[in-house]
Amino acid sequence: MSSFYPYLCRRPLVFVSKYRHRKIYGEIRKKIGGIIRDLCRQKGIELHEGHAKSDHIHLLVSIPPKYSVSNTAGFIKGKSAIRIHREVLNVKRMTGLSFWSTGYCVSTVGLDEETIRKYIQEQDKQDEWMFSPFWGFP
């Protein structure tokens, strides 16, 4: 008897930087992407889509049934914060530091996964339109 059971548990996750500070840009953005991909690989979590904005990230992940969503979000946020401080920001001490805001946003993906993927991929286009001179933003 096989112990393999197919599962389909895809969820969009959103993590926000502490105080929504715009910390995620340039080289930091690339390194954070690598760190999150590595952490997902460690736990057997499939990362289907991901996009980083200056103050938050969107992920579309497939979580194995043995992990809860809160366990997965806590693992990714906690371990990535430690690695971001050590590897990217070159901070030696770990006490009293935080990179991500408390909490996360999660939803379920029904049969319309393409809409979620498109939304994640087109975050930059959405912001360009919202912050265009038409709306009075510089």
Protein backbone atom coordinates (compact mmCIF):
# COMPACT_ATOMS: atom_id res chain seq x y z
CA MET A 1 0.00 0.00 0.00
CA SER A 2 1.38 3.40 -0.99
CA SER A 3 1.70 6.23 1.52
CA PHE A 4 1.49 8.87 -1.22
CA TYR A 5 -1.75 10.80 -1.47
CA PRO A 6 -2.20 13.55 -4.03
CA TYR A 7 -3.25 16.91 -2.61
CA LEU A 8 -4.14 20.30 -3.97
CA CYS A 9 -3.89 22.93 -1.27
CA ARG A 10 -2.79 26.13 -3.01
CA ARG A 11 -3.00 29.32 -1.05
CA PRO A 12 -2.07 32.93 -1.76
CA LEU A 13 -0.08 34.43 1.14
CA VAL A 14 0.80 38.09 1.69
CA PHE A 15 3.49 39.24 4.14
CA VAL A 16 3.93 42.92 4.96
CA SER A 17 7.16 44.55 6.11
CA LYS A 18 7.21 46.02 9.62
CA TYR A 19 5.37 49.37 9.71
CA ARG A 20 4.97 48.96 5.91
CA HIS A 21 8.42 50.47 5.48
CA ARG A 22 9.57 50.27 1.90
CA LYS A 23 12.51 47.92 2.51
CA ILE A 24 12.16 45.44 -0.34
CA TYR A 25 13.94 46.82 -3.41
CA GLY A 26 16.96 46.29 -5.64
CA GLU A 27 19.47 43.68 -4.52
CA ILE A 28 17.53 43.05 -1.29
CA ARG A 29 14.49 42.06 -3.35
CA LYS A 30 16.46 39.45 -5.32
CA LYS A 31 18.04 37.98 -2.19
CA ILE A 32 14.71 37.78 -0.35
CA GLY A 33 13.27 35.84 -3.29
CA GLY A 34 16.14 33.34 -3.08
CA ILE A 35 15.76 32.98 0.68
CA ILE A 36 12.02 32.30 0.43
CA ARG A 37 12.51 29.77 -2.41
CA ASP A 38 15.15 27.99 -0.31
CA LEU A 39 12.90 27.87 2.78
CA CYS A 40 9.99 26.50 0.76
CA ARG A 41 12.26 23.80 -0.67
CA GLN A 42 13.35 22.80 2.86
CA LYS A 43 9.77 22.07 3.95
CA GLY A 44 8.54 20.59 0.66
CA ILE A 45 6.32 23.60 -0.01
CA GLU A 46 5.77 24.33 -3.69
CA LEU A 47 6.20 28.00 -4.56
CA HIS A 48 4.10 28.51 -7.71
CA GLU A 49 4.22 32.30 -7.94
CA GLY A 50 5.85 35.10 -6.03
CA HIS A 51 6.15 38.85 -6.38
CA ALA A 52 7.81 41.37 -4.13
CA LYS A 53 6.65 44.96 -3.81
CA SER A 54 8.55 47.59 -1.87
CA ASP A 55 6.58 46.97 1.34
CA HIS A 56 5.01 43.49 0.95
CA ILE A 57 5.27 40.18 -0.88
CA HIS A 58 2.69 37.96 -2.56
CA LEU A 59 3.22 34.20 -2.68
CA LEU A 60 1.15 31.41 -4.20
CA VAL A 61 2.15 28.24 -2.37
CA SER A 62 1.04 24.63 -2.26
CA ILE A 63 1.27 23.43 1.34
CA PRO A 64 1.59 19.71 2.18
CA PRO A 65 -1.31 18.46 4.33
CA LYS A 66 1.00 17.70 7.27
CA TYR A 67 1.59 21.46 7.79
CA SER A 68 -1.04 23.98 8.78
CA VAL A 69 -1.23 27.33 7.02
CA SER A 70 -0.28 29.16 10.22
CA ASN A 71 2.70 26.84 10.77
CA THR A 72 3.87 27.45 7.19
CA ALA A 73 3.44 31.22 7.36
CA GLY A 74 5.23 31.34 10.72
CA PHE A 75 8.10 29.22 9.42
CA ILE A 76 8.60 31.30 6.26
CA LYS A 77 8.29 34.65 8.06
CA GLY A 78 10.43 33.68 11.05
CA LYS A 79 13.26 31.94 9.23
CA SER A 80 13.34 34.47 6.39
CA ALA A 81 13.57 37.37 8.89
CA ILE A 82 16.59 35.74 10.54
CA ARG A 83 18.29 35.05 7.22
CA ILE A 84 17.50 38.53 5.85
CA HIS A 85 19.13 40.14 8.88
CA ARG A 86 22.18 37.85 8.74
CA GLU A 87 22.77 37.50 5.01
CA VAL A 88 21.34 40.67 3.49
CA LEU A 89 21.49 43.36 6.16
CA ASN A 90 24.66 41.97 7.83
CA VAL A 91 23.31 42.37 11.35
CA LYS A 92 25.09 40.23 13.96
CA ARG A 93 22.60 40.44 16.84
CA MET A 94 19.22 38.75 16.50
CA THR A 95 17.35 39.93 19.61
CA GLY A 96 14.81 42.71 19.28
CA LEU A 97 14.86 42.73 15.49
CA SER A 98 11.93 42.19 13.15
CA PHE A 99 11.53 42.43 9.42
CA TRP A 100 7.93 41.34 8.87
CA SER A 101 4.81 42.81 10.43
CA THR A 102 2.75 40.67 12.79
CA GLY A 103 0.24 38.49 10.97
CA TYR A 104 -0.32 37.62 7.34
CA CYS A 105 -3.10 37.51 4.78
CA VAL A 106 -4.17 34.13 3.40
CA SER A 107 -7.02 32.95 1.23
CA THR A 108 -8.00 29.84 -0.65
CA VAL A 109 -7.64 29.25 -4.36
CA GLY A 110 -10.66 27.69 -5.94
CA LEU A 111 -10.94 26.66 -9.53
CA ASP A 112 -9.96 30.14 -10.72
CA GLU A 113 -6.22 29.91 -9.99
CA GLU A 114 -5.32 31.78 -13.19
CA THR A 115 -6.96 34.95 -11.85
CA ILE A 116 -4.82 34.77 -8.70
CA ARG A 117 -1.65 34.17 -10.74
CA LYS A 118 -2.46 37.10 -13.03
CA TYR A 119 -3.14 39.37 -10.04
CA ILE A 120 0.23 38.49 -8.47
CA GLN A 121 2.12 38.94 -11.74
CA GLU A 122 0.54 42.30 -12.55
CA GLN A 123 1.15 44.06 -9.23
CA ASP A 124 3.61 46.52 -10.79
CA LYS A 125 1.20 47.51 -13.56
CA GLN A 126 -1.51 48.12 -10.99
CA ASP A 127 0.74 50.42 -8.94
CA GLU A 128 1.89 52.35 -12.03
CA TRP A 129 -1.72 53.11 -12.83
CA MET A 130 -2.66 54.04 -9.24
CA PHE A 131 0.32 56.35 -8.76
CA SER A 132 0.16 57.95 -12.19
CA PRO A 133 0.00 61.75 -12.62
CA PHE A 134 -3.70 61.29 -13.41
CA TRP A 135 -4.34 60.63 -9.73
CA GLY A 136 -2.15 63.51 -8.59
CA PHE A 137 0.73 61.45 -7.23
CA PRO A 138 4.29 62.33 -8.21
